[in-house]
Amino acid sequence: MMNSETYIDFCFARKEEGNFSAEVDSLLKDLFTGKRLKWYLEEKMADGADVVIAEIKGMSPFQSEEETVEFIETHAGEAFWEYLQGYKIFVYPNKRGCGSCGSH
């Protein structure tokens, strides 16, 4: 199966403790072990909360957004779900042809 271009944005938040991006980095490393994904983390403080925006991109074996969500639901730990506030996922499968007319 061919890899797909994958773009994921996560927004994580927790009570302000500092050094949140290091923890988020660790959660993402655990979650995406063996996947060819890279991420950029932006940490902010807002109203007594630590907020980290994670922009993830690269090639993954996922063929759809649904498949990506299923993988995350199956593999992400408790802390991941505790911190996650929102996400956007775009997956562009590497298929021959445009797929709109049924020809290959």
N, C-alpha and C. Protein backbone atom coordinates (compact mmCIF):
# COMPACT_ATOMS: atom_id res chain seq x y z
N MET A 1 0.84 -1.18 0.00
CA MET A 1 0.00 0.00 0.00
C MET A 1 0.89 1.25 0.00
N MET A 2 0.49 2.23 -0.76
CA MET A 2 1.29 3.45 -0.85
C MET A 2 1.00 4.38 0.32
N ASN A 3 2.00 5.14 0.68
CA ASN A 3 1.83 6.12 1.74
C ASN A 3 1.06 7.32 1.22
N SER A 4 0.43 8.04 2.13
CA SER A 4 -0.35 9.22 1.80
C SER A 4 0.28 10.46 2.42
N GLU A 5 0.11 11.59 1.74
CA GLU A 5 0.49 12.85 2.37
C GLU A 5 -0.49 13.08 3.50
N THR A 6 0.03 13.40 4.67
CA THR A 6 -0.80 13.51 5.85
C THR A 6 -0.51 14.83 6.56
N TYR A 7 -1.58 15.54 6.89
CA TYR A 7 -1.47 16.81 7.62
C TYR A 7 -2.42 16.75 8.81
N ILE A 8 -1.89 16.95 9.99
CA ILE A 8 -2.71 16.91 11.21
C ILE A 8 -2.38 18.14 12.05
N ASP A 9 -3.41 18.80 12.53
CA ASP A 9 -3.23 19.87 13.51
C ASP A 9 -3.94 19.43 14.79
N PHE A 10 -3.22 19.49 15.89
CA PHE A 10 -3.81 19.21 17.20
C PHE A 10 -3.71 20.47 18.05
N CYS A 11 -4.69 20.67 18.90
CA CYS A 11 -4.61 21.72 19.91
C CYS A 11 -4.72 21.04 21.28
N PHE A 12 -3.69 21.21 22.10
CA PHE A 12 -3.66 20.62 23.44
C PHE A 12 -3.67 21.75 24.47
N ALA A 13 -4.31 21.51 25.62
CA ALA A 13 -4.29 22.51 26.69
C ALA A 13 -4.34 21.80 28.04
N ARG A 14 -3.78 22.48 29.04
CA ARG A 14 -3.83 21.99 30.42
C ARG A 14 -3.62 23.19 31.35
N LYS A 15 -3.80 22.97 32.63
CA LYS A 15 -3.52 24.00 33.63
C LYS A 15 -2.06 24.39 33.53
N GLU A 16 -1.78 25.67 33.70
CA GLU A 16 -0.43 26.19 33.49
C GLU A 16 0.59 25.56 34.44
N GLU A 17 1.56 24.86 33.86
CA GLU A 17 2.65 24.24 34.63
C GLU A 17 3.99 24.53 33.98
N GLY A 18 3.97 24.96 32.71
CA GLY A 18 5.21 25.19 31.97
C GLY A 18 5.73 23.91 31.34
N ASN A 19 6.60 24.07 30.36
CA ASN A 19 7.27 22.95 29.69
C ASN A 19 6.29 21.96 29.07
N PHE A 20 5.15 22.45 28.61
CA PHE A 20 4.11 21.57 28.07
C PHE A 20 4.53 20.97 26.73
N SER A 21 5.27 21.75 25.91
CA SER A 21 5.62 21.25 24.58
C SER A 21 6.49 19.99 24.67
N ALA A 22 7.33 19.89 25.70
CA ALA A 22 8.16 18.68 25.87
C ALA A 22 7.27 17.46 26.12
N GLU A 23 6.22 17.65 26.90
CA GLU A 23 5.30 16.54 27.18
C GLU A 23 4.51 16.16 25.93
N VAL A 24 4.04 17.16 25.20
CA VAL A 24 3.30 16.89 23.96
C VAL A 24 4.21 16.18 22.95
N ASP A 25 5.46 16.62 22.85
CA ASP A 25 6.43 15.97 21.95
C ASP A 25 6.56 14.49 22.29
N SER A 26 6.64 14.20 23.57
CA SER A 26 6.75 12.81 24.03
C SER A 26 5.50 12.00 23.68
N LEU A 27 4.33 12.60 23.87
CA LEU A 27 3.06 11.92 23.52
C LEU A 27 3.01 11.61 22.02
N LEU A 28 3.45 12.56 21.20
CA LEU A 28 3.42 12.37 19.75
C LEU A 28 4.43 11.31 19.31
N LYS A 29 5.62 11.30 19.95
CA LYS A 29 6.62 10.28 19.63
C LYS A 29 6.08 8.89 19.93
N ASP A 30 5.40 8.74 21.06
CA ASP A 30 4.81 7.44 21.42
C ASP A 30 3.71 7.05 20.44
N LEU A 31 2.88 8.01 20.07
CA LEU A 31 1.74 7.74 19.20
C LEU A 31 2.16 7.39 17.78
N PHE A 32 3.12 8.14 17.23
CA PHE A 32 3.47 7.98 15.82
C PHE A 32 4.80 7.25 15.61
N THR A 33 5.17 6.36 16.50
CA THR A 33 6.39 5.57 16.36
C THR A 33 6.39 4.85 15.01
N GLY A 34 7.48 4.98 14.27
CA GLY A 34 7.61 4.26 13.01
C GLY A 34 6.90 4.92 11.84
N LYS A 35 6.21 6.03 12.07
CA LYS A 35 5.54 6.75 10.98
C LYS A 35 6.49 7.86 10.51
N ARG A 36 6.43 8.16 9.22
CA ARG A 36 7.33 9.20 8.68
C ARG A 36 6.67 10.57 8.78
N LEU A 37 6.39 10.96 10.02
CA LEU A 37 5.73 12.24 10.28
C LEU A 37 6.65 13.13 11.10
N LYS A 38 6.64 14.40 10.79
CA LYS A 38 7.42 15.40 11.54
C LYS A 38 6.42 16.40 12.12
N TRP A 39 6.80 17.05 13.21
CA TRP A 39 5.89 18.05 13.76
C TRP A 39 6.62 19.27 14.28
N TYR A 40 5.85 20.33 14.28
CA TYR A 40 6.30 21.61 14.80
C TYR A 40 5.34 21.97 15.93
N LEU A 41 5.89 22.32 17.09
CA LEU A 41 5.06 22.64 18.25
C LEU A 41 5.19 24.12 18.59
N GLU A 42 4.06 24.74 18.82
CA GLU A 42 4.04 26.14 19.26
C GLU A 42 3.35 26.20 20.61
N GLU A 43 4.08 26.67 21.62
CA GLU A 43 3.53 26.71 22.98
C GLU A 43 3.15 28.14 23.34
N LYS A 44 1.97 28.28 23.97
CA LYS A 44 1.49 29.60 24.40
C LYS A 44 0.92 29.47 25.81
N MET A 45 0.84 30.59 26.51
CA MET A 45 0.12 30.63 27.78
C MET A 45 -1.14 31.46 27.54
N ALA A 46 -2.27 30.99 28.06
CA ALA A 46 -3.52 31.73 27.88
C ALA A 46 -4.43 31.51 29.08
N ASP A 47 -4.78 32.57 29.77
CA ASP A 47 -5.72 32.50 30.89
C ASP A 47 -5.40 31.39 31.88
N GLY A 48 -4.14 31.32 32.32
CA GLY A 48 -3.75 30.31 33.31
C GLY A 48 -3.65 28.91 32.75
N ALA A 49 -3.58 28.79 31.43
CA ALA A 49 -3.46 27.47 30.80
C ALA A 49 -2.23 27.43 29.90
N ASP A 50 -1.64 26.25 29.79
CA ASP A 50 -0.61 25.98 28.79
C ASP A 50 -1.34 25.48 27.54
N VAL A 51 -1.01 26.03 26.40
CA VAL A 51 -1.62 25.60 25.14
C VAL A 51 -0.49 25.25 24.17
N VAL A 52 -0.61 24.10 23.52
CA VAL A 52 0.35 23.72 22.49
C VAL A 52 -0.41 23.39 21.21
N ILE A 53 0.00 24.06 20.14
CA ILE A 53 -0.52 23.74 18.81
C ILE A 53 0.53 22.86 18.14
N ALA A 54 0.11 21.68 17.70
CA ALA A 54 1.02 20.75 17.02
C ALA A 54 0.63 20.68 15.55
N GLU A 55 1.57 21.05 14.68
CA GLU A 55 1.37 20.92 13.23
C GLU A 55 2.19 19.74 12.76
N ILE A 56 1.50 18.72 12.28
CA ILE A 56 2.15 17.46 11.92
C ILE A 56 2.00 17.25 10.42
N LYS A 57 3.09 16.85 9.77
CA LYS A 57 2.98 16.54 8.34
C LYS A 57 4.02 15.51 7.95
N GLY A 58 3.72 14.85 6.85
CA GLY A 58 4.64 13.84 6.35
C GLY A 58 3.88 12.77 5.60
N MET A 59 4.52 11.62 5.46
CA MET A 59 3.90 10.50 4.77
C MET A 59 3.47 9.47 5.81
N SER A 60 2.28 8.93 5.64
CA SER A 60 1.80 7.91 6.57
C SER A 60 1.08 6.82 5.79
N PRO A 61 0.88 5.66 6.43
CA PRO A 61 0.17 4.58 5.75
C PRO A 61 -1.34 4.80 5.72
N PHE A 62 -1.83 5.86 6.37
CA PHE A 62 -3.28 6.09 6.43
C PHE A 62 -3.81 6.47 5.05
N GLN A 63 -4.97 5.91 4.70
CA GLN A 63 -5.57 6.17 3.40
C GLN A 63 -6.74 7.15 3.48
N SER A 64 -7.16 7.52 4.69
CA SER A 64 -8.28 8.44 4.84
C SER A 64 -8.22 9.11 6.21
N GLU A 65 -9.00 10.19 6.36
CA GLU A 65 -9.10 10.85 7.65
C GLU A 65 -9.67 9.88 8.70
N GLU A 66 -10.68 9.11 8.30
CA GLU A 66 -11.32 8.16 9.22
C GLU A 66 -10.32 7.13 9.74
N GLU A 67 -9.48 6.64 8.84
CA GLU A 67 -8.47 5.65 9.23
C GLU A 67 -7.47 6.26 10.22
N THR A 68 -7.13 7.53 10.01
CA THR A 68 -6.22 8.23 10.90
C THR A 68 -6.83 8.38 12.28
N VAL A 69 -8.09 8.81 12.34
CA VAL A 69 -8.79 8.97 13.62
C VAL A 69 -8.87 7.62 14.34
N GLU A 70 -9.18 6.57 13.60
CA GLU A 70 -9.26 5.23 14.17
C GLU A 70 -7.93 4.82 14.80
N PHE A 71 -6.83 5.09 14.09
CA PHE A 71 -5.50 4.78 14.61
C PHE A 71 -5.25 5.55 15.91
N ILE A 72 -5.56 6.84 15.90
CA ILE A 72 -5.32 7.67 17.09
C ILE A 72 -6.17 7.17 18.26
N GLU A 73 -7.45 6.86 17.99
CA GLU A 73 -8.33 6.37 19.05
C GLU A 73 -7.81 5.07 19.65
N THR A 74 -7.20 4.24 18.83
CA THR A 74 -6.70 2.95 19.29
C THR A 74 -5.37 3.06 20.04
N HIS A 75 -4.52 4.02 19.63
CA HIS A 75 -3.15 4.05 20.13
C HIS A 75 -2.81 5.18 21.10
N ALA A 76 -3.62 6.23 21.15
CA ALA A 76 -3.27 7.37 22.01
C ALA A 76 -3.55 7.03 23.47
N GLY A 77 -2.67 7.53 24.35
CA GLY A 77 -2.81 7.27 25.77
C GLY A 77 -3.78 8.23 26.45
N GLU A 78 -3.99 8.00 27.73
CA GLU A 78 -4.95 8.77 28.53
C GLU A 78 -4.60 10.26 28.55
N ALA A 79 -3.32 10.59 28.74
CA ALA A 79 -2.90 11.99 28.82
C ALA A 79 -3.22 12.72 27.52
N PHE A 80 -3.03 12.04 26.38
CA PHE A 80 -3.32 12.62 25.07
C PHE A 80 -4.76 13.11 25.05
N TRP A 81 -5.70 12.25 25.46
CA TRP A 81 -7.13 12.60 25.41
C TRP A 81 -7.48 13.67 26.44
N GLU A 82 -6.80 13.63 27.57
CA GLU A 82 -7.03 14.62 28.63
C GLU A 82 -6.68 16.03 28.12
N TYR A 83 -5.60 16.14 27.34
CA TYR A 83 -5.12 17.43 26.88
C TYR A 83 -5.74 17.89 25.56
N LEU A 84 -6.18 16.95 24.73
CA LEU A 84 -6.64 17.30 23.38
C LEU A 84 -7.90 18.16 23.43
N GLN A 85 -7.85 19.31 22.76
CA GLN A 85 -9.00 20.21 22.69
C GLN A 85 -9.65 20.23 21.31
N GLY A 86 -8.87 19.91 20.29
CA GLY A 86 -9.41 19.93 18.94
C GLY A 86 -8.38 19.43 17.94
N TYR A 87 -8.85 19.10 16.75
CA TYR A 87 -7.94 18.62 15.71
C TYR A 87 -8.51 18.86 14.33
N LYS A 88 -7.62 18.88 13.34
CA LYS A 88 -7.96 18.88 11.92
C LYS A 88 -7.06 17.86 11.26
N ILE A 89 -7.63 17.05 10.38
CA ILE A 89 -6.83 16.02 9.69
C ILE A 89 -7.15 16.06 8.20
N PHE A 90 -6.08 16.06 7.40
CA PHE A 90 -6.23 15.97 5.94
C PHE A 90 -5.29 14.87 5.45
N VAL A 91 -5.85 13.92 4.70
CA VAL A 91 -5.05 12.83 4.14
C VAL A 91 -5.26 12.82 2.63
N TYR A 92 -4.15 12.84 1.90
CA TYR A 92 -4.20 12.82 0.44
C TYR A 92 -3.54 11.54 -0.05
N PRO A 93 -4.35 10.48 -0.30
CA PRO A 93 -3.78 9.21 -0.76
C PRO A 93 -3.03 9.39 -2.07
N ASN A 94 -1.96 8.66 -2.21
CA ASN A 94 -1.13 8.70 -3.40
C ASN A 94 -1.71 7.73 -4.42
N LYS A 95 -2.74 8.15 -5.14
CA LYS A 95 -3.37 7.26 -6.10
C LYS A 95 -3.03 7.73 -7.51
N ARG A 96 -3.05 6.79 -8.43
CA ARG A 96 -2.86 7.16 -9.84
C ARG A 96 -4.16 7.72 -10.36
N GLY A 97 -4.08 8.70 -11.22
CA GLY A 97 -5.29 9.31 -11.75
C GLY A 97 -5.92 10.23 -10.73
N CYS A 98 -6.98 10.89 -11.11
CA CYS A 98 -7.59 11.86 -10.21
C CYS A 98 -8.70 11.24 -9.38
N GLY A 99 -9.17 10.05 -9.76
CA GLY A 99 -10.18 9.35 -8.98
C GLY A 99 -11.59 9.83 -9.23
N SER A 100 -11.78 10.86 -10.04
CA SER A 100 -13.14 11.41 -10.19
C SER A 100 -13.95 10.69 -11.27
N CYS A 101 -13.29 10.00 -12.17
CA CYS A 101 -14.04 9.37 -13.26
C CYS A 101 -13.99 7.84 -13.21
N GLY A 102 -13.29 7.28 -12.25
CA GLY A 102 -13.25 5.84 -12.13
C GLY A 102 -12.17 5.16 -12.94
N SER A 103 -11.45 5.90 -13.80
CA SER A 103 -10.37 5.29 -14.58
C SER A 103 -9.09 5.29 -13.76
N HIS A 104 -8.16 4.40 -14.09
CA HIS A 104 -6.90 4.31 -13.31
C HIS A 104 -5.71 4.55 -14.22
